[in-house]
Amino acid sequence: MLARPGAAAVVSDSEVIGVIPAAGRAARISPLPCSKEIYPVGLRRTPDGALRPKAACHYLLERMREAGIAKAYIVLRDGKWDIPAYLEDGAAVGMQLAYLIADSVVGTPYTVDRARAFVADANVAFGFPDMLLGSEDIFVRLLARQRESEADLILGSFPAEPGLAADLLDVDADGRVRRLSVGPPDARLQRTWGVAAWRPAFTEYLH
């Protein structure tokens, strides 16, 4: 949980909109026959009872939908047209999806900021579409924690695998993030993060 110093409690009824970065080049796992976000991982059952391949991004979209998030922006880079061709308008996953193009891909914060004009007044739910989320109610709990807290930004954290090179969190006993370490593994830090929720103030701060 990250909060502004001295922030007052805010209970917002603003719409929650998903923002999903999908502009990466998947260089570490190339070559792939498609964008990694729609690479099949497991199976899903269609409304008619048939089993079909389940794309990696379905796990994230299902978790958002479970929390009542009805629409999301997926931010692409030029050339990743197989993602909108596959997901289309989102009807197959029970959401309304729209697509934005990132002019330059220099990192996730820049990709996310591409959606600023469309979510400036909304609460945002964020997740990585190539991450398989096991907790079905992760966004339900994340948004509930945001509503009851003073934080502008809530991170969904989980135990980090030993030696993992990832964003590692220094978290106090109350769940407040004191430090985020980006770089080599740090044996003193035991948690990382994979999803987030934030208020308009953080959208502006990120910009």
N, C-alpha and C. Protein backbone atom coordinates (compact mmCIF):
# COMPACT_ATOMS: atom_id res chain seq x y z
N MET A 1 0.85 -1.18 0.00
CA MET A 1 0.00 0.00 0.00
C MET A 1 0.89 1.23 0.00
N LEU A 2 0.68 2.15 -0.93
CA LEU A 2 1.40 3.42 -0.97
C LEU A 2 0.42 4.55 -0.79
N ALA A 3 0.75 5.52 0.04
CA ALA A 3 -0.18 6.62 0.30
C ALA A 3 0.57 7.94 0.32
N ARG A 4 -0.13 9.00 0.02
CA ARG A 4 0.43 10.33 0.18
C ARG A 4 0.59 10.62 1.66
N PRO A 5 1.69 11.23 2.07
CA PRO A 5 1.82 11.64 3.47
C PRO A 5 0.68 12.57 3.86
N GLY A 6 -0.04 12.24 4.93
CA GLY A 6 -1.11 13.08 5.40
C GLY A 6 -2.36 13.03 4.55
N ALA A 7 -2.48 12.02 3.70
CA ALA A 7 -3.65 11.94 2.82
C ALA A 7 -4.91 11.70 3.62
N ALA A 8 -5.99 12.37 3.22
CA ALA A 8 -7.28 12.15 3.86
C ALA A 8 -7.97 10.96 3.23
N ALA A 9 -8.78 10.26 4.02
CA ALA A 9 -9.51 9.11 3.49
C ALA A 9 -10.45 9.56 2.39
N VAL A 10 -10.44 8.81 1.31
CA VAL A 10 -11.29 9.12 0.18
C VAL A 10 -12.10 7.87 -0.17
N VAL A 11 -13.39 8.01 -0.21
CA VAL A 11 -14.24 6.92 -0.66
C VAL A 11 -14.83 7.35 -2.00
N SER A 12 -14.38 6.71 -3.06
CA SER A 12 -14.76 7.14 -4.40
C SER A 12 -15.68 6.13 -5.05
N ASP A 13 -16.73 6.62 -5.70
CA ASP A 13 -17.61 5.77 -6.47
C ASP A 13 -17.24 5.81 -7.94
N SER A 14 -16.06 6.33 -8.27
CA SER A 14 -15.65 6.41 -9.66
C SER A 14 -15.62 5.03 -10.28
N GLU A 15 -15.86 5.00 -11.57
CA GLU A 15 -15.78 3.75 -12.31
C GLU A 15 -14.37 3.18 -12.23
N VAL A 16 -14.27 1.86 -12.16
CA VAL A 16 -12.97 1.19 -12.19
C VAL A 16 -12.75 0.67 -13.61
N ILE A 17 -11.64 1.08 -14.22
CA ILE A 17 -11.32 0.69 -15.59
C ILE A 17 -9.98 -0.04 -15.59
N GLY A 18 -9.91 -1.13 -16.31
CA GLY A 18 -8.67 -1.87 -16.41
C GLY A 18 -7.71 -1.20 -17.39
N VAL A 19 -6.42 -1.21 -17.05
CA VAL A 19 -5.36 -0.78 -17.96
C VAL A 19 -4.34 -1.91 -18.02
N ILE A 20 -4.10 -2.39 -19.23
CA ILE A 20 -3.29 -3.60 -19.42
C ILE A 20 -2.18 -3.31 -20.42
N PRO A 21 -0.90 -3.38 -20.00
CA PRO A 21 0.20 -3.13 -20.92
C PRO A 21 0.51 -4.38 -21.75
N ALA A 22 0.53 -4.22 -23.06
CA ALA A 22 0.82 -5.36 -23.93
C ALA A 22 1.71 -4.91 -25.09
N ALA A 23 2.66 -4.04 -24.78
CA ALA A 23 3.50 -3.46 -25.83
C ALA A 23 4.89 -4.08 -25.87
N GLY A 24 5.16 -5.04 -24.99
CA GLY A 24 6.50 -5.62 -24.93
C GLY A 24 6.84 -6.48 -26.13
N ARG A 25 8.13 -6.80 -26.25
CA ARG A 25 8.62 -7.56 -27.40
C ARG A 25 8.89 -9.02 -27.08
N ALA A 26 8.73 -9.43 -25.82
CA ALA A 26 8.92 -10.82 -25.41
C ALA A 26 10.28 -11.36 -25.84
N ALA A 27 11.30 -10.51 -25.74
CA ALA A 27 12.63 -10.89 -26.23
C ALA A 27 13.20 -12.09 -25.48
N ARG A 28 12.86 -12.24 -24.20
CA ARG A 28 13.44 -13.33 -23.41
C ARG A 28 12.89 -14.69 -23.79
N ILE A 29 11.71 -14.73 -24.43
CA ILE A 29 11.12 -16.03 -24.76
C ILE A 29 10.87 -16.17 -26.26
N SER A 30 11.43 -15.29 -27.06
CA SER A 30 11.29 -15.39 -28.51
C SER A 30 12.14 -16.56 -29.03
N PRO A 31 11.76 -17.14 -30.18
CA PRO A 31 10.61 -16.75 -31.01
C PRO A 31 9.33 -17.45 -30.56
N LEU A 32 8.20 -16.75 -30.74
CA LEU A 32 6.88 -17.31 -30.48
C LEU A 32 6.04 -17.17 -31.75
N PRO A 33 5.05 -18.03 -31.92
CA PRO A 33 4.21 -17.92 -33.11
C PRO A 33 3.16 -16.83 -33.03
N CYS A 34 3.05 -16.18 -31.85
CA CYS A 34 2.05 -15.13 -31.66
C CYS A 34 2.52 -14.25 -30.51
N SER A 35 1.80 -13.18 -30.25
CA SER A 35 2.11 -12.36 -29.08
C SER A 35 1.97 -13.19 -27.82
N LYS A 36 2.88 -12.97 -26.85
CA LYS A 36 2.87 -13.80 -25.66
C LYS A 36 1.57 -13.67 -24.87
N GLU A 37 0.89 -12.52 -24.99
CA GLU A 37 -0.34 -12.30 -24.24
C GLU A 37 -1.46 -13.24 -24.66
N ILE A 38 -1.41 -13.75 -25.89
CA ILE A 38 -2.46 -14.67 -26.35
C ILE A 38 -1.91 -16.08 -26.59
N TYR A 39 -0.72 -16.34 -26.09
CA TYR A 39 -0.17 -17.69 -26.20
C TYR A 39 -1.04 -18.64 -25.37
N PRO A 40 -1.41 -19.79 -25.90
CA PRO A 40 -2.30 -20.70 -25.16
C PRO A 40 -1.63 -21.32 -23.94
N VAL A 41 -2.29 -21.18 -22.80
CA VAL A 41 -1.82 -21.77 -21.54
C VAL A 41 -3.04 -22.41 -20.87
N GLY A 42 -3.23 -23.69 -21.01
CA GLY A 42 -4.38 -24.36 -20.41
C GLY A 42 -5.58 -24.34 -21.34
N LEU A 43 -6.71 -24.74 -20.78
CA LEU A 43 -7.95 -24.85 -21.55
C LEU A 43 -9.06 -24.06 -20.87
N ARG A 44 -10.03 -23.64 -21.64
CA ARG A 44 -11.22 -22.97 -21.11
C ARG A 44 -12.45 -23.64 -21.72
N ARG A 45 -13.56 -23.54 -21.02
CA ARG A 45 -14.80 -24.11 -21.52
C ARG A 45 -15.69 -23.00 -22.07
N THR A 46 -16.12 -23.13 -23.30
CA THR A 46 -16.95 -22.13 -23.94
C THR A 46 -18.40 -22.30 -23.47
N PRO A 47 -19.25 -21.28 -23.73
CA PRO A 47 -20.66 -21.39 -23.30
C PRO A 47 -21.38 -22.62 -23.83
N ASP A 48 -20.95 -23.14 -24.97
CA ASP A 48 -21.60 -24.34 -25.51
C ASP A 48 -21.01 -25.63 -24.97
N GLY A 49 -20.09 -25.50 -24.00
CA GLY A 49 -19.53 -26.68 -23.33
C GLY A 49 -18.26 -27.23 -23.95
N ALA A 50 -17.80 -26.65 -25.03
CA ALA A 50 -16.60 -27.16 -25.70
C ALA A 50 -15.34 -26.66 -24.98
N LEU A 51 -14.28 -27.44 -25.07
CA LEU A 51 -13.00 -27.02 -24.53
C LEU A 51 -12.17 -26.39 -25.62
N ARG A 52 -11.61 -25.21 -25.31
CA ARG A 52 -10.80 -24.48 -26.25
C ARG A 52 -9.51 -24.02 -25.55
N PRO A 53 -8.46 -23.75 -26.32
CA PRO A 53 -7.24 -23.22 -25.70
C PRO A 53 -7.54 -21.92 -24.94
N LYS A 54 -6.84 -21.74 -23.84
CA LYS A 54 -7.01 -20.55 -23.00
C LYS A 54 -5.78 -19.68 -23.13
N ALA A 55 -5.95 -18.47 -23.64
CA ALA A 55 -4.82 -17.56 -23.81
C ALA A 55 -4.32 -17.07 -22.45
N ALA A 56 -3.05 -16.75 -22.39
CA ALA A 56 -2.45 -16.29 -21.13
C ALA A 56 -3.22 -15.11 -20.54
N CYS A 57 -3.65 -14.17 -21.39
CA CYS A 57 -4.32 -12.96 -20.88
C CYS A 57 -5.70 -13.25 -20.31
N HIS A 58 -6.29 -14.40 -20.63
CA HIS A 58 -7.62 -14.72 -20.09
C HIS A 58 -7.62 -14.75 -18.57
N TYR A 59 -6.52 -15.19 -17.97
CA TYR A 59 -6.46 -15.29 -16.50
C TYR A 59 -6.63 -13.91 -15.87
N LEU A 60 -5.95 -12.91 -16.40
CA LEU A 60 -6.07 -11.56 -15.88
C LEU A 60 -7.47 -11.00 -16.13
N LEU A 61 -7.98 -11.16 -17.34
CA LEU A 61 -9.29 -10.61 -17.68
C LEU A 61 -10.39 -11.25 -16.83
N GLU A 62 -10.29 -12.54 -16.59
CA GLU A 62 -11.28 -13.21 -15.74
C GLU A 62 -11.26 -12.65 -14.32
N ARG A 63 -10.07 -12.39 -13.80
CA ARG A 63 -9.97 -11.86 -12.43
C ARG A 63 -10.54 -10.45 -12.36
N MET A 64 -10.34 -9.65 -13.40
CA MET A 64 -10.93 -8.31 -13.43
C MET A 64 -12.45 -8.41 -13.50
N ARG A 65 -12.94 -9.26 -14.36
CA ARG A 65 -14.39 -9.41 -14.52
C ARG A 65 -15.03 -9.88 -13.21
N GLU A 66 -14.34 -10.75 -12.48
CA GLU A 66 -14.85 -11.25 -11.20
C GLU A 66 -15.07 -10.10 -10.21
N ALA A 67 -14.30 -9.02 -10.35
CA ALA A 67 -14.42 -7.86 -9.47
C ALA A 67 -15.40 -6.83 -10.00
N GLY A 68 -16.11 -7.15 -11.06
CA GLY A 68 -17.08 -6.23 -11.62
C GLY A 68 -16.50 -5.18 -12.56
N ILE A 69 -15.26 -5.36 -12.96
CA ILE A 69 -14.64 -4.43 -13.90
C ILE A 69 -15.14 -4.77 -15.29
N ALA A 70 -15.86 -3.84 -15.90
CA ALA A 70 -16.57 -4.14 -17.14
C ALA A 70 -15.80 -3.78 -18.39
N LYS A 71 -14.81 -2.88 -18.27
CA LYS A 71 -14.08 -2.50 -19.47
C LYS A 71 -12.62 -2.24 -19.16
N ALA A 72 -11.81 -2.38 -20.20
CA ALA A 72 -10.37 -2.21 -20.03
C ALA A 72 -9.76 -1.71 -21.33
N TYR A 73 -8.67 -0.97 -21.18
CA TYR A 73 -7.85 -0.54 -22.31
C TYR A 73 -6.61 -1.41 -22.36
N ILE A 74 -6.33 -1.98 -23.51
CA ILE A 74 -5.11 -2.75 -23.73
C ILE A 74 -4.19 -1.89 -24.58
N VAL A 75 -2.99 -1.62 -24.06
CA VAL A 75 -2.05 -0.74 -24.75
C VAL A 75 -1.04 -1.58 -25.52
N LEU A 76 -1.05 -1.44 -26.83
CA LEU A 76 -0.22 -2.23 -27.74
C LEU A 76 0.90 -1.38 -28.33
N ARG A 77 1.82 -2.05 -28.98
CA ARG A 77 2.74 -1.36 -29.88
C ARG A 77 2.37 -1.76 -31.31
N ASP A 78 2.84 -0.99 -32.25
CA ASP A 78 2.58 -1.25 -33.65
C ASP A 78 3.06 -2.65 -34.02
N GLY A 79 2.22 -3.43 -34.66
CA GLY A 79 2.58 -4.77 -35.10
C GLY A 79 1.94 -5.90 -34.31
N LYS A 80 1.44 -5.59 -33.12
CA LYS A 80 0.84 -6.66 -32.30
C LYS A 80 -0.67 -6.76 -32.57
N TRP A 81 -1.00 -6.82 -33.84
CA TRP A 81 -2.42 -6.81 -34.22
C TRP A 81 -3.11 -8.14 -33.97
N ASP A 82 -2.33 -9.18 -33.65
CA ASP A 82 -2.98 -10.46 -33.37
C ASP A 82 -3.77 -10.42 -32.06
N ILE A 83 -3.43 -9.48 -31.16
CA ILE A 83 -4.16 -9.39 -29.89
C ILE A 83 -5.59 -8.90 -30.10
N PRO A 84 -5.81 -7.73 -30.75
CA PRO A 84 -7.20 -7.33 -31.01
C PRO A 84 -7.91 -8.28 -31.97
N ALA A 85 -7.18 -8.92 -32.87
CA ALA A 85 -7.83 -9.89 -33.77
C ALA A 85 -8.36 -11.07 -32.98
N TYR A 86 -7.66 -11.44 -31.90
CA TYR A 86 -8.08 -12.58 -31.08
C TYR A 86 -9.16 -12.19 -30.07
N LEU A 87 -8.94 -11.10 -29.34
CA LEU A 87 -9.87 -10.71 -28.27
C LEU A 87 -11.06 -9.92 -28.79
N GLU A 88 -10.90 -9.29 -29.93
CA GLU A 88 -11.94 -8.46 -30.53
C GLU A 88 -12.48 -7.44 -29.51
N ASP A 89 -13.80 -7.33 -29.39
CA ASP A 89 -14.36 -6.31 -28.50
C ASP A 89 -14.48 -6.77 -27.05
N GLY A 90 -14.03 -8.00 -26.76
CA GLY A 90 -14.06 -8.50 -25.40
C GLY A 90 -15.27 -9.32 -25.04
N ALA A 91 -16.21 -9.49 -25.95
CA ALA A 91 -17.45 -10.21 -25.63
C ALA A 91 -17.17 -11.63 -25.17
N ALA A 92 -16.14 -12.26 -25.73
CA ALA A 92 -15.83 -13.65 -25.37
C ALA A 92 -15.37 -13.79 -23.93
N VAL A 93 -14.87 -12.69 -23.33
CA VAL A 93 -14.43 -12.74 -21.94
C VAL A 93 -15.36 -11.93 -21.04
N GLY A 94 -16.49 -11.48 -21.59
CA GLY A 94 -17.48 -10.77 -20.79
C GLY A 94 -17.10 -9.36 -20.41
N MET A 95 -16.25 -8.71 -21.21
CA MET A 95 -15.83 -7.34 -20.94
C MET A 95 -15.91 -6.51 -22.22
N GLN A 96 -15.80 -5.20 -22.06
CA GLN A 96 -15.66 -4.30 -23.19
C GLN A 96 -14.20 -3.91 -23.28
N LEU A 97 -13.56 -4.23 -24.39
CA LEU A 97 -12.14 -3.95 -24.57
C LEU A 97 -11.92 -2.92 -25.66
N ALA A 98 -10.98 -2.03 -25.44
CA ALA A 98 -10.55 -1.08 -26.45
C ALA A 98 -9.03 -1.10 -26.48
N TYR A 99 -8.45 -0.62 -27.57
CA TYR A 99 -7.01 -0.75 -27.79
C TYR A 99 -6.39 0.61 -28.06
N LEU A 100 -5.23 0.83 -27.45
CA LEU A 100 -4.46 2.05 -27.65
C LEU A 100 -3.07 1.67 -28.15
N ILE A 101 -2.45 2.54 -28.90
CA ILE A 101 -1.13 2.27 -29.46
C ILE A 101 -0.09 3.15 -28.78
N ALA A 102 0.96 2.52 -28.26
CA ALA A 102 2.08 3.25 -27.67
C ALA A 102 3.07 3.59 -28.76
N ASP A 103 3.39 4.87 -28.91
CA ASP A 103 4.29 5.30 -29.98
C ASP A 103 5.71 4.78 -29.76
N SER A 104 6.16 4.78 -28.52
CA SER A 104 7.50 4.28 -28.21
C SER A 104 7.40 3.37 -26.99
N VAL A 105 8.17 2.31 -27.02
CA VAL A 105 8.12 1.32 -25.94
C VAL A 105 9.42 1.40 -25.16
N VAL A 106 9.42 2.18 -24.09
CA VAL A 106 10.63 2.34 -23.29
C VAL A 106 10.42 1.86 -21.86
N GLY A 107 9.28 1.28 -21.57
CA GLY A 107 9.03 0.76 -20.23
C GLY A 107 7.56 0.81 -19.89
N THR A 108 7.18 0.01 -18.92
CA THR A 108 5.77 -0.10 -18.54
C THR A 108 5.15 1.22 -18.13
N PRO A 109 5.81 2.08 -17.33
CA PRO A 109 5.17 3.35 -16.95
C PRO A 109 4.76 4.19 -18.16
N TYR A 110 5.59 4.20 -19.20
CA TYR A 110 5.27 4.97 -20.40
C TYR A 110 4.09 4.34 -21.15
N THR A 111 4.06 3.00 -21.16
CA THR A 111 2.95 2.30 -21.81
C THR A 111 1.64 2.61 -21.09
N VAL A 112 1.65 2.53 -19.76
CA VAL A 112 0.45 2.79 -18.97
C VAL A 112 -0.01 4.23 -19.15
N ASP A 113 0.93 5.16 -19.23
CA ASP A 113 0.58 6.58 -19.35
C ASP A 113 -0.15 6.88 -20.65
N ARG A 114 -0.03 5.99 -21.63
CA ARG A 114 -0.75 6.19 -22.90
C ARG A 114 -2.26 6.22 -22.67
N ALA A 115 -2.72 5.59 -21.60
CA ALA A 115 -4.17 5.53 -21.31
C ALA A 115 -4.65 6.70 -20.48
N ARG A 116 -3.76 7.60 -20.10
CA ARG A 116 -4.11 8.67 -19.15
C ARG A 116 -5.33 9.47 -19.59
N ALA A 117 -5.39 9.87 -20.84
CA ALA A 117 -6.48 10.71 -21.31
C ALA A 117 -7.84 10.02 -21.20
N PHE A 118 -7.82 8.68 -21.15
CA PHE A 118 -9.06 7.92 -21.14
C PHE A 118 -9.49 7.48 -19.74
N VAL A 119 -8.56 7.56 -18.77
CA VAL A 119 -8.88 7.08 -17.41
C VAL A 119 -8.56 8.14 -16.36
N ALA A 120 -8.37 9.39 -16.77
CA ALA A 120 -7.90 10.42 -15.84
C ALA A 120 -8.80 10.58 -14.63
N ASP A 121 -10.10 10.39 -14.78
CA ASP A 121 -11.03 10.59 -13.68
C ASP A 121 -11.55 9.28 -13.10
N ALA A 122 -10.97 8.17 -13.50
CA ALA A 122 -11.44 6.86 -13.06
C ALA A 122 -10.45 6.23 -12.09
N ASN A 123 -10.94 5.28 -11.31
CA ASN A 123 -10.04 4.39 -10.59
C ASN A 123 -9.56 3.33 -11.57
N VAL A 124 -8.31 2.92 -11.42
CA VAL A 124 -7.68 2.02 -12.37
C VAL A 124 -7.34 0.70 -11.70
N ALA A 125 -7.59 -0.39 -12.42
CA ALA A 125 -7.10 -1.72 -12.04
C ALA A 125 -6.05 -2.12 -13.06
N PHE A 126 -4.92 -2.58 -12.59
CA PHE A 126 -3.78 -2.85 -13.46
C PHE A 126 -3.29 -4.28 -13.26
N GLY A 127 -2.89 -4.91 -14.36
CA GLY A 127 -2.28 -6.22 -14.26
C GLY A 127 -1.50 -6.54 -15.52
N PHE A 128 -0.58 -7.49 -15.41
CA PHE A 128 0.22 -7.91 -16.54
C PHE A 128 -0.47 -9.08 -17.25
N PRO A 129 -0.68 -8.99 -18.55
CA PRO A 129 -1.46 -10.00 -19.25
C PRO A 129 -0.71 -11.31 -19.52
N ASP A 130 0.58 -11.38 -19.16
CA ASP A 130 1.32 -12.62 -19.32
C ASP A 130 1.57 -13.29 -17.97
N MET A 131 0.88 -12.82 -16.93
CA MET A 131 1.03 -13.39 -15.59
C MET A 131 -0.22 -14.20 -15.25
N LEU A 132 -0.03 -15.44 -14.83
CA LEU A 132 -1.15 -16.31 -14.49
C LEU A 132 -1.50 -16.11 -13.03
N LEU A 133 -2.68 -15.59 -12.76
CA LEU A 133 -3.10 -15.25 -11.41
C LEU A 133 -3.93 -16.40 -10.84
N GLY A 134 -3.44 -17.01 -9.76
CA GLY A 134 -4.15 -18.14 -9.18
C GLY A 134 -5.32 -17.74 -8.30
N SER A 135 -5.23 -16.58 -7.66
CA SER A 135 -6.28 -16.13 -6.75
C SER A 135 -7.44 -15.53 -7.54
N GLU A 136 -8.59 -16.20 -7.53
CA GLU A 136 -9.71 -15.74 -8.34
C GLU A 136 -10.28 -14.41 -7.87
N ASP A 137 -10.14 -14.09 -6.58
CA ASP A 137 -10.72 -12.85 -6.06
C ASP A 137 -9.69 -11.76 -5.80
N ILE A 138 -8.55 -11.84 -6.48
CA ILE A 138 -7.47 -10.89 -6.20
C ILE A 138 -7.92 -9.45 -6.39
N PHE A 139 -8.68 -9.14 -7.45
CA PHE A 139 -9.11 -7.75 -7.66
C PHE A 139 -10.28 -7.39 -6.74
N VAL A 140 -11.08 -8.35 -6.36
CA VAL A 140 -12.14 -8.09 -5.38
C VAL A 140 -11.50 -7.60 -4.08
N ARG A 141 -10.48 -8.30 -3.62
CA ARG A 141 -9.81 -7.93 -2.37
C ARG A 141 -9.01 -6.64 -2.53
N LEU A 142 -8.38 -6.48 -3.68
CA LEU A 142 -7.57 -5.29 -3.92
C LEU A 142 -8.43 -4.03 -3.90
N LEU A 143 -9.57 -4.07 -4.59
CA LEU A 143 -10.45 -2.90 -4.65
C LEU A 143 -11.11 -2.63 -3.30
N ALA A 144 -11.43 -3.69 -2.55
CA ALA A 144 -12.00 -3.51 -1.22
C ALA A 144 -10.99 -2.82 -0.31
N ARG A 145 -9.74 -3.23 -0.40
CA ARG A 145 -8.69 -2.61 0.43
C ARG A 145 -8.49 -1.15 0.04
N GLN A 146 -8.61 -0.86 -1.24
CA GLN A 146 -8.47 0.52 -1.69
C GLN A 146 -9.59 1.39 -1.14
N ARG A 147 -10.82 0.88 -1.17
CA ARG A 147 -11.96 1.66 -0.68
C ARG A 147 -11.85 1.99 0.80
N GLU A 148 -11.26 1.08 1.57
CA GLU A 148 -11.21 1.29 3.02
C GLU A 148 -9.93 1.98 3.47
N SER A 149 -9.04 2.27 2.56
CA SER A 149 -7.74 2.83 2.94
C SER A 149 -7.62 4.28 2.50
N GLU A 150 -6.51 4.90 2.90
CA GLU A 150 -6.18 6.25 2.47
C GLU A 150 -5.22 6.24 1.28
N ALA A 151 -4.90 5.07 0.78
CA ALA A 151 -3.85 4.97 -0.23
C ALA A 151 -4.33 5.36 -1.61
N ASP A 152 -3.48 6.05 -2.33
CA ASP A 152 -3.73 6.33 -3.74
C ASP A 152 -3.37 5.13 -4.60
N LEU A 153 -2.47 4.29 -4.10
CA LEU A 153 -2.00 3.13 -4.85
C LEU A 153 -1.96 1.91 -3.94
N ILE A 154 -2.56 0.82 -4.40
CA ILE A 154 -2.54 -0.45 -3.68
C ILE A 154 -1.85 -1.48 -4.58
N LEU A 155 -0.89 -2.22 -4.04
CA LEU A 155 -0.22 -3.27 -4.78
C LEU A 155 -0.68 -4.63 -4.27
N GLY A 156 -0.98 -5.53 -5.20
CA GLY A 156 -1.27 -6.92 -4.84
C GLY A 156 0.05 -7.68 -4.78
N SER A 157 0.49 -8.03 -3.57
CA SER A 157 1.81 -8.64 -3.42
C SER A 157 1.70 -10.12 -3.08
N PHE A 158 2.79 -10.82 -3.31
CA PHE A 158 2.85 -12.26 -3.03
C PHE A 158 4.31 -12.63 -2.77
N PRO A 159 4.56 -13.80 -2.16
CA PRO A 159 5.94 -14.19 -1.86
C PRO A 159 6.77 -14.31 -3.14
N ALA A 160 7.98 -13.80 -3.07
CA ALA A 160 8.89 -13.88 -4.21
C ALA A 160 9.71 -15.16 -4.13
N GLU A 161 9.92 -15.79 -5.27
CA GLU A 161 10.78 -16.96 -5.31
C GLU A 161 12.21 -16.55 -4.98
N PRO A 162 12.93 -17.36 -4.20
CA PRO A 162 14.32 -17.02 -3.88
C PRO A 162 15.14 -16.81 -5.15
N GLY A 163 15.92 -15.72 -5.16
CA GLY A 163 16.77 -15.42 -6.30
C GLY A 163 16.06 -14.78 -7.47
N LEU A 164 14.77 -14.47 -7.31
CA LEU A 164 14.01 -13.88 -8.41
C LEU A 164 14.47 -12.46 -8.68
N ALA A 165 14.76 -12.17 -9.96
CA ALA A 165 15.09 -10.80 -10.36
C ALA A 165 13.78 -10.10 -10.72
N ALA A 166 13.24 -9.34 -9.78
CA ALA A 166 11.93 -8.71 -9.97
C ALA A 166 11.86 -7.48 -9.09
N ASP A 167 10.71 -6.78 -9.17
CA ASP A 167 10.47 -5.67 -8.26
C ASP A 167 10.20 -6.25 -6.87
N LEU A 168 11.09 -6.03 -5.93
CA LEU A 168 10.95 -6.58 -4.60
C LEU A 168 10.52 -5.50 -3.62
N LEU A 169 9.63 -5.88 -2.69
CA LEU A 169 9.00 -4.92 -1.79
C LEU A 169 9.52 -5.05 -0.37
N ASP A 170 9.79 -3.92 0.23
CA ASP A 170 10.06 -3.84 1.67
C ASP A 170 8.76 -3.36 2.30
N VAL A 171 8.07 -4.25 3.02
CA VAL A 171 6.72 -3.98 3.52
C VAL A 171 6.74 -4.02 5.05
N ASP A 172 6.10 -3.02 5.69
CA ASP A 172 6.07 -3.03 7.15
C ASP A 172 4.91 -3.90 7.66
N ALA A 173 4.76 -3.96 8.97
CA ALA A 173 3.76 -4.85 9.57
C ALA A 173 2.34 -4.48 9.22
N ASP A 174 2.10 -3.23 8.83
CA ASP A 174 0.76 -2.78 8.46
C ASP A 174 0.49 -2.90 6.96
N GLY A 175 1.46 -3.45 6.23
CA GLY A 175 1.28 -3.62 4.80
C GLY A 175 1.68 -2.41 3.98
N ARG A 176 2.29 -1.43 4.61
CA ARG A 176 2.72 -0.22 3.88
C ARG A 176 4.07 -0.47 3.22
N VAL A 177 4.17 -0.12 1.94
CA VAL A 177 5.42 -0.29 1.22
C VAL A 177 6.39 0.82 1.60
N ARG A 178 7.53 0.42 2.17
CA ARG A 178 8.54 1.41 2.54
C ARG A 178 9.54 1.64 1.40
N ARG A 179 9.73 0.58 0.61
CA ARG A 179 10.74 0.68 -0.45
C ARG A 179 10.43 -0.35 -1.52
N LEU A 180 10.68 0.00 -2.77
CA LEU A 180 10.57 -0.93 -3.87
C LEU A 180 11.94 -1.04 -4.53
N SER A 181 12.48 -2.25 -4.56
CA SER A 181 13.83 -2.47 -5.08
C SER A 181 13.73 -3.09 -6.47
N VAL A 182 14.31 -2.41 -7.45
CA VAL A 182 14.33 -2.90 -8.82
C VAL A 182 15.78 -3.22 -9.17
N GLY A 183 16.04 -4.47 -9.50
CA GLY A 183 17.41 -4.83 -9.83
C GLY A 183 17.73 -6.24 -9.40
N PRO A 184 18.98 -6.47 -8.98
CA PRO A 184 19.40 -7.82 -8.59
C PRO A 184 18.61 -8.33 -7.39
N PRO A 185 18.50 -9.65 -7.24
CA PRO A 185 17.79 -10.23 -6.08
C PRO A 185 18.37 -9.72 -4.77
N ASP A 186 17.49 -9.50 -3.79
CA ASP A 186 17.88 -9.05 -2.46
C ASP A 186 17.27 -10.03 -1.46
N ALA A 187 18.12 -10.84 -0.82
CA ALA A 187 17.64 -11.90 0.06
C ALA A 187 16.86 -11.36 1.25
N ARG A 188 17.01 -10.07 1.57
CA ARG A 188 16.29 -9.49 2.70
C ARG A 188 14.83 -9.20 2.37
N LEU A 189 14.51 -9.13 1.10
CA LEU A 189 13.15 -8.80 0.66
C LEU A 189 12.44 -10.05 0.18
N GLN A 190 11.26 -10.31 0.74
CA GLN A 190 10.58 -11.58 0.53
C GLN A 190 9.34 -11.51 -0.35
N ARG A 191 8.97 -10.30 -0.78
CA ARG A 191 7.72 -10.16 -1.53
C ARG A 191 7.91 -9.37 -2.82
N THR A 192 7.09 -9.69 -3.80
CA THR A 192 7.04 -8.93 -5.04
C THR A 192 5.58 -8.57 -5.30
N TRP A 193 5.27 -8.03 -6.47
CA TRP A 193 3.89 -7.63 -6.75
C TRP A 193 3.55 -7.96 -8.20
N GLY A 194 2.24 -8.04 -8.50
CA GLY A 194 1.85 -8.39 -9.86
C GLY A 194 0.61 -7.68 -10.36
N VAL A 195 -0.21 -7.13 -9.44
CA VAL A 195 -1.40 -6.37 -9.82
C VAL A 195 -1.46 -5.12 -8.95
N ALA A 196 -2.28 -4.16 -9.39
CA ALA A 196 -2.37 -2.91 -8.63
C ALA A 196 -3.72 -2.26 -8.87
N ALA A 197 -4.06 -1.34 -7.99
CA ALA A 197 -5.25 -0.50 -8.17
C ALA A 197 -4.88 0.89 -7.69
N TRP A 198 -5.33 1.90 -8.42
CA TRP A 198 -4.99 3.26 -8.00
C TRP A 198 -6.09 4.25 -8.34
N ARG A 199 -6.00 5.39 -7.66
CA ARG A 199 -6.94 6.48 -7.83
C ARG A 199 -6.39 7.50 -8.83
N PRO A 200 -7.22 8.46 -9.27
CA PRO A 200 -6.77 9.44 -10.26
C PRO A 200 -5.50 10.19 -9.87
N ALA A 201 -5.28 10.39 -8.58
CA ALA A 201 -4.08 11.12 -8.16
C ALA A 201 -2.81 10.39 -8.59
N PHE A 202 -2.84 9.05 -8.59
CA PHE A 202 -1.64 8.32 -9.01
C PHE A 202 -1.51 8.32 -10.53
N THR A 203 -2.61 8.31 -11.26
CA THR A 203 -2.54 8.45 -12.72
C THR A 203 -1.80 9.73 -13.08
N GLU A 204 -2.13 10.83 -12.37
CA GLU A 204 -1.48 12.10 -12.64
C GLU A 204 -0.03 12.09 -12.20
N TYR A 205 0.25 11.47 -11.05
CA TYR A 205 1.63 11.37 -10.57
C TYR A 205 2.49 10.59 -11.55
N LEU A 206 1.94 9.48 -12.06
CA LEU A 206 2.69 8.66 -13.02
C LEU A 206 3.00 9.46 -14.28
N HIS A 207 2.05 10.26 -14.71
CA HIS A 207 2.27 11.09 -15.90
C HIS A 207 3.41 12.08 -15.66
